[in-house]
């Protein structure tokens, strides 16, 4: 299960942070500092559309959207192309102790572009997957221990406890809008993404620029997380490291 290995002050602090307060904390401390890299074409929104949008916001319920209580910021690369890297803003819904689902954007402002999705599961659930399915998933151990994965806006003890949970999880990520290449519209087909597994893989300029915007220091985060215990990565995850690269070939010729 996605649970703490030790019940201590950190885990108790996390339980004391009400999920109901998280959206307000995130809005106050973490959002609105990263622009989208894409300018979508199209006519300016007309007053009628604005009115319809405002009415829908006031009258329609959005339970799945309201459930997106957790915000994570990290980095991905195209499976098979580590040189193609990008920052990814995850807005996540915790379905239960072993499954989390996230929508991924290229920024955290209102016009951010939806890049894709990530499914996060526990170590136990990953171990039960078929061998061929495991090749689609990546580990989160290094992302957590390196300090590259952050949960902006929540108190440090709560973030630390969250990372204690995430360090034992595995993710499957598909990007549907390749905003590093397609600066107007989503083109081509979905691409499988991976997470970094060792120091020196992530572009240091990309990481430091992210750190500057959020007022964090990945190196300090790495030091603060030294006490987080990491299990050996399950066999089958991060298959690219053993030469098994899975990717969807793009029939459109758009070069993804």
C-alpha atoms as a PDB file:
ATOM      1  CA  UNK A   1       0.000   0.000   0.000  1.00  0.00           C
ATOM      2  CA  UNK A   2       1.050   3.635  -0.405  1.00  0.00           C
ATOM      3  CA  UNK A   3       1.609   4.089   3.309  1.00  0.00           C
ATOM      4  CA  UNK A   4       4.404   5.212   5.603  1.00  0.00           C
ATOM      5  CA  UNK A   5       6.798   2.493   6.696  1.00  0.00           C
ATOM      6  CA  UNK A   6       7.136   4.131  10.124  1.00  0.00           C
ATOM      7  CA  UNK A   7       4.422   5.968  12.037  1.00  0.00           C
ATOM      8  CA  UNK A   8       6.215   9.035  13.345  1.00  0.00           C
ATOM      9  CA  UNK A   9       5.824  12.805  13.702  1.00  0.00           C
ATOM     10  CA  UNK A  10       6.057  13.345   9.959  1.00  0.00           C
ATOM     11  CA  UNK A  11       3.269  10.936   9.085  1.00  0.00           C
ATOM     12  CA  UNK A  12       1.123  12.316  11.888  1.00  0.00           C
ATOM     13  CA  UNK A  13       1.664  15.814  10.515  1.00  0.00           C
ATOM     14  CA  UNK A  14       0.464  14.707   7.077  1.00  0.00           C
ATOM     15  CA  UNK A  15      -2.699  13.263   8.589  1.00  0.00           C
ATOM     16  CA  UNK A  16      -3.304  16.583  10.321  1.00  0.00           C
ATOM     17  CA  UNK A  17      -3.280  18.496   7.028  1.00  0.00           C
ATOM     18  CA  UNK A  18      -6.897  18.425   5.921  1.00  0.00           C
ATOM     19  CA  UNK A  19      -7.428  17.610   2.260  1.00  0.00           C
ATOM     20  CA  UNK A  20     -10.082  20.285   2.299  1.00  0.00           C
ATOM     21  CA  UNK A  21      -7.364  22.881   2.935  1.00  0.00           C
ATOM     22  CA  UNK A  22      -4.960  21.703   0.247  1.00  0.00           C
ATOM     23  CA  UNK A  23      -6.548  23.545  -2.698  1.00  0.00           C
ATOM     24  CA  UNK A  24      -6.373  26.843  -0.802  1.00  0.00           C
ATOM     25  CA  UNK A  25      -2.768  26.205   0.217  1.00  0.00           C
ATOM     26  CA  UNK A  26      -1.770  25.381  -3.328  1.00  0.00           C
ATOM     27  CA  UNK A  27      -3.513  28.415  -4.771  1.00  0.00           C
ATOM     28  CA  UNK A  28      -1.808  30.659  -2.256  1.00  0.00           C
ATOM     29  CA  UNK A  29       1.708  29.261  -2.432  1.00  0.00           C
ATOM     30  CA  UNK A  30       2.275  27.285  -5.599  1.00  0.00           C
ATOM     31  CA  UNK A  31       0.183  28.367  -8.554  1.00  0.00           C
ATOM     32  CA  UNK A  32       0.503  31.111 -11.138  1.00  0.00           C
ATOM     33  CA  UNK A  33       4.285  31.116 -11.498  1.00  0.00           C
ATOM     34  CA  UNK A  34       4.810  29.057 -14.683  1.00  0.00           C
ATOM     35  CA  UNK A  35       3.645  30.217 -18.102  1.00  0.00           C
ATOM     36  CA  UNK A  36       2.496  27.816 -20.783  1.00  0.00           C
ATOM     37  CA  UNK A  37       4.984  27.500 -23.639  1.00  0.00           C
ATOM     38  CA  UNK A  38       2.172  27.233 -26.183  1.00  0.00           C
ATOM     39  CA  UNK A  39      -0.060  29.851 -27.793  1.00  0.00           C
ATOM     40  CA  UNK A  40      -3.159  28.104 -29.120  1.00  0.00           C
ATOM     41  CA  UNK A  41      -4.595  29.613 -32.311  1.00  0.00           C
ATOM     42  CA  UNK A  42      -8.218  30.667 -32.580  1.00  0.00           C
ATOM     43  CA  UNK A  43     -10.567  33.601 -32.400  1.00  0.00           C
ATOM     44  CA  UNK A  44     -10.827  35.581 -29.188  1.00  0.00           C
ATOM     45  CA  UNK A  45     -13.464  34.292 -26.759  1.00  0.00           C
ATOM     46  CA  UNK A  46     -16.734  36.087 -27.408  1.00  0.00           C
ATOM     47  CA  UNK A  47     -19.000  37.509 -24.680  1.00  0.00           C
ATOM     48  CA  UNK A  48     -21.603  34.775 -25.220  1.00  0.00           C
ATOM     49  CA  UNK A  49     -18.998  32.054 -24.725  1.00  0.00           C
ATOM     50  CA  UNK A  50     -17.716  33.834 -21.629  1.00  0.00           C
ATOM     51  CA  UNK A  51     -21.239  34.006 -20.244  1.00  0.00           C
ATOM     52  CA  UNK A  52     -21.870  30.320 -20.955  1.00  0.00           C
ATOM     53  CA  UNK A  53     -18.567  29.438 -19.289  1.00  0.00           C
ATOM     54  CA  UNK A  54     -19.404  31.507 -16.220  1.00  0.00           C
ATOM     55  CA  UNK A  55     -22.857  29.941 -16.019  1.00  0.00           C
ATOM     56  CA  UNK A  56     -21.449  26.432 -16.283  1.00  0.00           C
ATOM     57  CA  UNK A  57     -18.922  27.214 -13.548  1.00  0.00           C
ATOM     58  CA  UNK A  58     -21.690  28.437 -11.267  1.00  0.00           C
ATOM     59  CA  UNK A  59     -24.298  25.751 -11.966  1.00  0.00           C
ATOM     60  CA  UNK A  60     -22.568  22.527 -12.936  1.00  0.00           C
ATOM     61  CA  UNK A  61     -20.923  20.184 -10.465  1.00  0.00           C
ATOM     62  CA  UNK A  62     -17.456  18.764 -11.250  1.00  0.00           C
ATOM     63  CA  UNK A  63     -16.719  15.971  -8.751  1.00  0.00           C
ATOM     64  CA  UNK A  64     -13.769  14.454 -10.680  1.00  0.00           C
ATOM     65  CA  UNK A  65     -12.165  17.877 -11.052  1.00  0.00           C
ATOM     66  CA  UNK A  66     -12.833  18.824  -7.444  1.00  0.00           C
ATOM     67  CA  UNK A  67     -11.015  15.639  -6.417  1.00  0.00           C
ATOM     68  CA  UNK A  68      -7.718  16.935  -7.853  1.00  0.00           C
ATOM     69  CA  UNK A  69      -6.358  17.885  -4.434  1.00  0.00           C
ATOM     70  CA  UNK A  70      -2.645  17.173  -4.831  1.00  0.00           C
ATOM     71  CA  UNK A  71      -0.149  19.155  -6.918  1.00  0.00           C
ATOM     72  CA  UNK A  72       3.212  17.639  -7.869  1.00  0.00           C
ATOM     73  CA  UNK A  73       5.924  19.166 -10.040  1.00  0.00           C
ATOM     74  CA  UNK A  74       8.621  17.067 -11.663  1.00  0.00           C
ATOM     75  CA  UNK A  75      10.273  16.158 -14.945  1.00  0.00           C
ATOM     76  CA  UNK A  76       9.735  13.652 -17.766  1.00  0.00           C
ATOM     77  CA  UNK A  77      11.583  12.529 -20.852  1.00  0.00           C
ATOM     78  CA  UNK A  78      10.431  10.710 -23.968  1.00  0.00           C
ATOM     79  CA  UNK A  79      11.003   6.975 -23.643  1.00  0.00           C
ATOM     80  CA  UNK A  80      14.033   6.272 -25.819  1.00  0.00           C
ATOM     81  CA  UNK A  81      15.028   9.956 -26.100  1.00  0.00           C
ATOM     82  CA  UNK A  82      16.437  11.188 -22.801  1.00  0.00           C
ATOM     83  CA  UNK A  83      17.690  14.381 -24.414  1.00  0.00           C
ATOM     84  CA  UNK A  84      14.057  15.476 -24.920  1.00  0.00           C
ATOM     85  CA  UNK A  85      13.115  16.558 -21.387  1.00  0.00           C
ATOM     86  CA  UNK A  86      10.411  18.765 -19.921  1.00  0.00           C
ATOM     87  CA  UNK A  87       8.844  19.984 -16.713  1.00  0.00           C
ATOM     88  CA  UNK A  88       5.458  18.475 -15.870  1.00  0.00           C
ATOM     89  CA  UNK A  89       2.818  19.926 -13.559  1.00  0.00           C
ATOM     90  CA  UNK A  90       0.706  17.110 -12.083  1.00  0.00           C
ATOM     91  CA  UNK A  91      -2.741  17.682 -10.586  1.00  0.00           C
ATOM     92  CA  UNK A  92      -3.696  14.460  -8.858  1.00  0.00           C
ATOM     93  CA  UNK A  93      -6.645  12.651  -7.350  1.00  0.00           C
ATOM     94  CA  UNK A  94      -5.912  10.044  -4.677  1.00  0.00           C
ATOM     95  CA  UNK A  95      -8.355   7.242  -5.485  1.00  0.00           C
ATOM     96  CA  UNK A  96      -7.248   5.051  -2.576  1.00  0.00           C
ATOM     97  CA  UNK A  97      -4.101   4.032  -0.695  1.00  0.00           C
ATOM     98  CA  UNK A  98      -2.681   2.313  -3.772  1.00  0.00           C
ATOM     99  CA  UNK A  99      -3.859   4.240  -6.841  1.00  0.00           C
ATOM    100  CA  UNK A 100      -3.428   7.888  -7.805  1.00  0.00           C
ATOM    101  CA  UNK A 101      -4.406   9.475 -11.119  1.00  0.00           C
ATOM    102  CA  UNK A 102      -3.005  12.746 -12.430  1.00  0.00           C
ATOM    103  CA  UNK A 103      -3.615  15.176 -15.266  1.00  0.00           C
ATOM    104  CA  UNK A 104      -0.459  16.881 -16.510  1.00  0.00           C
ATOM    105  CA  UNK A 105      -0.076  20.455 -17.739  1.00  0.00           C
ATOM    106  CA  UNK A 106       2.783  22.504 -19.187  1.00  0.00           C
ATOM    107  CA  UNK A 107       2.261  25.272 -16.637  1.00  0.00           C
ATOM    108  CA  UNK A 108       0.227  26.239 -13.605  1.00  0.00           C
ATOM    109  CA  UNK A 109      -1.621  29.291 -14.900  1.00  0.00           C
ATOM    110  CA  UNK A 110      -5.201  29.340 -16.153  1.00  0.00           C
ATOM    111  CA  UNK A 111      -4.231  28.909 -19.804  1.00  0.00           C
ATOM    112  CA  UNK A 112      -1.900  25.933 -19.150  1.00  0.00           C
ATOM    113  CA  UNK A 113      -2.078  23.264 -21.851  1.00  0.00           C
ATOM    114  CA  UNK A 114      -3.128  19.726 -20.955  1.00  0.00           C
ATOM    115  CA  UNK A 115      -0.117  17.574 -21.860  1.00  0.00           C
ATOM    116  CA  UNK A 116      -1.173  14.126 -20.721  1.00  0.00           C
ATOM    117  CA  UNK A 117      -1.920  11.786 -17.860  1.00  0.00           C
ATOM    118  CA  UNK A 118      -0.038   9.727 -15.303  1.00  0.00           C
ATOM    119  CA  UNK A 119      -1.279   6.747 -13.308  1.00  0.00           C
ATOM    120  CA  UNK A 120       0.567   6.002 -10.067  1.00  0.00           C
ATOM    121  CA  UNK A 121       0.306   2.677  -8.270  1.00  0.00           C
ATOM    122  CA  UNK A 122       1.809   1.022  -5.222  1.00  0.00           C
ATOM    123  CA  UNK A 123       4.771  -1.315  -5.180  1.00  0.00           C
ATOM    124  CA  UNK A 124       2.423  -4.208  -4.422  1.00  0.00           C
ATOM    125  CA  UNK A 125       0.173  -3.533  -7.398  1.00  0.00           C
ATOM    126  CA  UNK A 126       3.131  -3.073  -9.720  1.00  0.00           C
ATOM    127  CA  UNK A 127       4.607  -6.409  -8.645  1.00  0.00           C
ATOM    128  CA  UNK A 128       1.393  -8.119  -9.772  1.00  0.00           C
ATOM    129  CA  UNK A 129       1.419  -6.719 -13.321  1.00  0.00           C
ATOM    130  CA  UNK A 130       2.229  -8.917 -16.333  1.00  0.00           C
ATOM    131  CA  UNK A 131       5.857  -8.674 -17.433  1.00  0.00           C
ATOM    132  CA  UNK A 132       5.042  -6.920 -20.725  1.00  0.00           C
ATOM    133  CA  UNK A 133       2.902  -4.351 -18.932  1.00  0.00           C
ATOM    134  CA  UNK A 134       5.684  -3.543 -16.447  1.00  0.00           C
ATOM    135  CA  UNK A 135       7.846  -2.224 -19.302  1.00  0.00           C
ATOM    136  CA  UNK A 136       5.473   0.750 -19.628  1.00  0.00           C
ATOM    137  CA  UNK A 137       6.042   1.905 -16.045  1.00  0.00           C
ATOM    138  CA  UNK A 138       8.817   3.883 -14.368  1.00  0.00           C
ATOM    139  CA  UNK A 139      10.000   4.008 -10.772  1.00  0.00           C
ATOM    140  CA  UNK A 140       9.756   7.116  -8.589  1.00  0.00           C
ATOM    141  CA  UNK A 141      12.611   6.332  -6.196  1.00  0.00           C
ATOM    142  CA  UNK A 142      15.192   8.639  -7.765  1.00  0.00           C
ATOM    143  CA  UNK A 143      12.682  11.407  -8.488  1.00  0.00           C
ATOM    144  CA  UNK A 144      11.907  11.542  -4.770  1.00  0.00           C
ATOM    145  CA  UNK A 145      15.401  11.019  -3.365  1.00  0.00           C
ATOM    146  CA  UNK A 146      17.007  13.520  -5.763  1.00  0.00           C
ATOM    147  CA  UNK A 147      14.674  16.308  -4.663  1.00  0.00           C
ATOM    148  CA  UNK A 148      13.452  16.787  -8.232  1.00  0.00           C
ATOM    149  CA  UNK A 149       9.863  15.824  -7.408  1.00  0.00           C
ATOM    150  CA  UNK A 150       8.191  18.442  -5.243  1.00  0.00           C
ATOM    151  CA  UNK A 151       4.706  19.133  -3.860  1.00  0.00           C
ATOM    152  CA  UNK A 152       4.584  22.944  -3.871  1.00  0.00           C
ATOM    153  CA  UNK A 153       2.523  24.832  -1.347  1.00  0.00           C
ATOM    154  CA  UNK A 154       2.189  22.352   1.508  1.00  0.00           C
ATOM    155  CA  UNK A 155       4.243  22.475   4.754  1.00  0.00           C
ATOM    156  CA  UNK A 156       7.628  20.772   4.572  1.00  0.00           C
ATOM    157  CA  UNK A 157       6.768  18.005   7.090  1.00  0.00           C
ATOM    158  CA  UNK A 158       3.644  17.136   5.092  1.00  0.00           C
ATOM    159  CA  UNK A 159       5.581  17.135   1.818  1.00  0.00           C
ATOM    160  CA  UNK A 160       8.225  14.906   3.406  1.00  0.00           C
ATOM    161  CA  UNK A 161       5.593  12.417   4.492  1.00  0.00           C
ATOM    162  CA  UNK A 162       4.010  12.471   1.030  1.00  0.00           C
ATOM    163  CA  UNK A 163       7.398  11.717  -0.505  1.00  0.00           C
ATOM    164  CA  UNK A 164       7.808   8.790   1.889  1.00  0.00           C
ATOM    165  CA  UNK A 165       4.719   7.351   0.255  1.00  0.00           C
ATOM    166  CA  UNK A 166       5.604   8.205  -3.342  1.00  0.00           C
ATOM    167  CA  UNK A 167       9.145   6.800  -3.169  1.00  0.00           C
ATOM    168  CA  UNK A 168       7.686   3.268  -3.272  1.00  0.00           C
ATOM    169  CA  UNK A 169       5.346   3.908  -6.222  1.00  0.00           C
ATOM    170  CA  UNK A 170       5.449   3.427  -9.986  1.00  0.00           C
ATOM    171  CA  UNK A 171       4.013   5.592 -12.750  1.00  0.00           C
ATOM    172  CA  UNK A 172       2.743   5.116 -16.297  1.00  0.00           C
ATOM    173  CA  UNK A 173       2.742   8.388 -18.214  1.00  0.00           C
ATOM    174  CA  UNK A 174       1.428   9.295 -21.650  1.00  0.00           C
ATOM    175  CA  UNK A 175       1.828  12.757 -23.152  1.00  0.00           C
ATOM    176  CA  UNK A 176      -0.790  13.704 -25.727  1.00  0.00           C
ATOM    177  CA  UNK A 177       0.314  17.280 -26.464  1.00  0.00           C
ATOM    178  CA  UNK A 178       4.049  17.536 -27.070  1.00  0.00           C
ATOM    179  CA  UNK A 179       4.379  21.148 -26.050  1.00  0.00           C
ATOM    180  CA  UNK A 180       8.165  21.129 -26.490  1.00  0.00           C
ATOM    181  CA  UNK A 181       7.587  20.651 -30.224  1.00  0.00           C
ATOM    182  CA  UNK A 182       3.994  21.596 -31.034  1.00  0.00           C
ATOM    183  CA  UNK A 183       3.568  25.260 -30.113  1.00  0.00           C
ATOM    184  CA  UNK A 184      -0.003  25.687 -31.351  1.00  0.00           C
ATOM    185  CA  UNK A 185      -2.012  22.443 -31.414  1.00  0.00           C
ATOM    186  CA  UNK A 186      -1.595  18.826 -30.221  1.00  0.00           C
ATOM    187  CA  UNK A 187      -0.212  16.862 -33.158  1.00  0.00           C
ATOM    188  CA  UNK A 188       0.796  13.281 -33.750  1.00  0.00           C
ATOM    189  CA  UNK A 189       0.108  10.395 -31.388  1.00  0.00           C
ATOM    190  CA  UNK A 190       0.579   9.898 -27.635  1.00  0.00           C
ATOM    191  CA  UNK A 191       4.116   9.223 -26.467  1.00  0.00           C
ATOM    192  CA  UNK A 192       5.266   7.163 -23.503  1.00  0.00           C
ATOM    193  CA  UNK A 193       7.270   9.152 -20.977  1.00  0.00           C
ATOM    194  CA  UNK A 194       9.769   8.076 -18.338  1.00  0.00           C
ATOM    195  CA  UNK A 195      11.286   9.466 -15.136  1.00  0.00           C
ATOM    196  CA  UNK A 196      14.949   9.937 -14.288  1.00  0.00           C
ATOM    197  CA  UNK A 197      16.752   7.196 -12.399  1.00  0.00           C
ATOM    198  CA  UNK A 198      20.184   8.648 -11.612  1.00  0.00           C
ATOM    199  CA  UNK A 199      22.050  11.888 -10.978  1.00  0.00           C
ATOM    200  CA  UNK A 200      23.314  13.658 -14.086  1.00  0.00           C
ATOM    201  CA  UNK A 201      20.400  12.678 -16.314  1.00  0.00           C
ATOM    202  CA  UNK A 202      18.152  15.714 -15.857  1.00  0.00           C
ATOM    203  CA  UNK A 203      19.215  18.959 -17.510  1.00  0.00           C
ATOM    204  CA  UNK A 204      20.585  21.050 -14.594  1.00  0.00           C
ATOM    205  CA  UNK A 205      19.434  24.297 -16.217  1.00  0.00           C
ATOM    206  CA  UNK A 206      15.884  22.990 -16.440  1.00  0.00           C
ATOM    207  CA  UNK A 207      15.934  21.943 -12.790  1.00  0.00           C
ATOM    208  CA  UNK A 208      17.483  25.177 -11.520  1.00  0.00           C
ATOM    209  CA  UNK A 209      14.993  27.297 -13.467  1.00  0.00           C
ATOM    210  CA  UNK A 210      12.123  25.336 -11.915  1.00  0.00           C
ATOM    211  CA  UNK A 211      13.690  25.735  -8.473  1.00  0.00           C
ATOM    212  CA  UNK A 212      13.995  29.494  -8.975  1.00  0.00           C
ATOM    213  CA  UNK A 213      10.311  29.880  -9.848  1.00  0.00           C
ATOM    214  CA  UNK A 214       9.139  27.879  -6.841  1.00  0.00           C
ATOM    215  CA  UNK A 215      11.715  29.158  -4.385  1.00  0.00           C
ATOM    216  CA  UNK A 216      13.073  25.680  -3.657  1.00  0.00           C
ATOM    217  CA  UNK A 217      16.500  24.054  -3.845  1.00  0.00           C
ATOM    218  CA  UNK A 218      16.618  20.514  -5.212  1.00  0.00           C
ATOM    219  CA  UNK A 219      20.032  19.877  -3.652  1.00  0.00           C
ATOM    220  CA  UNK A 220      18.735  20.864  -0.238  1.00  0.00           C
ATOM    221  CA  UNK A 221      15.627  18.740  -0.789  1.00  0.00           C
ATOM    222  CA  UNK A 222      17.881  15.801  -1.618  1.00  0.00           C
ATOM    223  CA  UNK A 223      19.723  16.261   1.669  1.00  0.00           C
ATOM    224  CA  UNK A 224      16.464  16.615   3.612  1.00  0.00           C
ATOM    225  CA  UNK A 225      15.221  13.320   2.165  1.00  0.00           C
ATOM    226  CA  UNK A 226      18.270  11.249   3.083  1.00  0.00           C
ATOM    227  CA  UNK A 227      16.227   9.586   5.833  1.00  0.00           C
ATOM    228  CA  UNK A 228      13.600   8.297   3.371  1.00  0.00           C
ATOM    229  CA  UNK A 229      14.088   4.561   2.999  1.00  0.00           C
ATOM    230  CA  UNK A 230      14.058   3.266  -0.589  1.00  0.00           C
ATOM    231  CA  UNK A 231      13.166  -0.286  -1.565  1.00  0.00           C
ATOM    232  CA  UNK A 232      15.034  -1.895  -4.477  1.00  0.00           C
ATOM    233  CA  UNK A 233      13.321  -1.005  -7.760  1.00  0.00           C
ATOM    234  CA  UNK A 234      11.036  -3.831  -8.825  1.00  0.00           C
ATOM    235  CA  UNK A 235      12.209  -5.939 -11.792  1.00  0.00           C
ATOM    236  CA  UNK A 236      10.573  -4.856 -15.033  1.00  0.00           C
ATOM    237  CA  UNK A 237      10.313  -1.138 -14.282  1.00  0.00           C
ATOM    238  CA  UNK A 238      12.450   1.411 -16.161  1.00  0.00           C
ATOM    239  CA  UNK A 239      12.811  -1.125 -18.978  1.00  0.00           C
ATOM    240  CA  UNK A 240      14.641   1.406 -21.165  1.00  0.00           C
ATOM    241  CA  UNK A 241      17.699   0.944 -18.936  1.00  0.00           C
ATOM    242  CA  UNK A 242      17.982  -2.600 -20.253  1.00  0.00           C
ATOM    243  CA  UNK A 243      17.424  -1.641 -23.879  1.00  0.00           C
ATOM    244  CA  UNK A 244      13.702  -2.358 -24.016  1.00  0.00           C
ATOM    245  CA  UNK A 245      12.277   0.874 -25.369  1.00  0.00           C
ATOM    246  CA  UNK A 246       8.556   1.007 -26.106  1.00  0.00           C
ATOM    247  CA  UNK A 247       7.198   3.907 -28.117  1.00  0.00           C
ATOM    248  CA  UNK A 248       4.292   4.518 -30.472  1.00  0.00           C
ATOM    249  CA  UNK A 249       5.502   5.235 -33.990  1.00  0.00           C
ATOM    250  CA  UNK A 250       3.969   8.424 -35.331  1.00  0.00           C
ATOM    251  CA  UNK A 251       2.315   7.764 -38.705  1.00  0.00           C
ATOM    252  CA  UNK A 252       1.809  11.495 -39.389  1.00  0.00           C
ATOM    253  CA  UNK A 253       5.486  12.156 -39.998  1.00  0.00           C
ATOM    254  CA  UNK A 254       5.430  15.070 -37.558  1.00  0.00           C
ATOM    255  CA  UNK A 255       8.684  13.914 -35.999  1.00  0.00           C
ATOM    256  CA  UNK A 256       7.660  13.004 -32.472  1.00  0.00           C
END
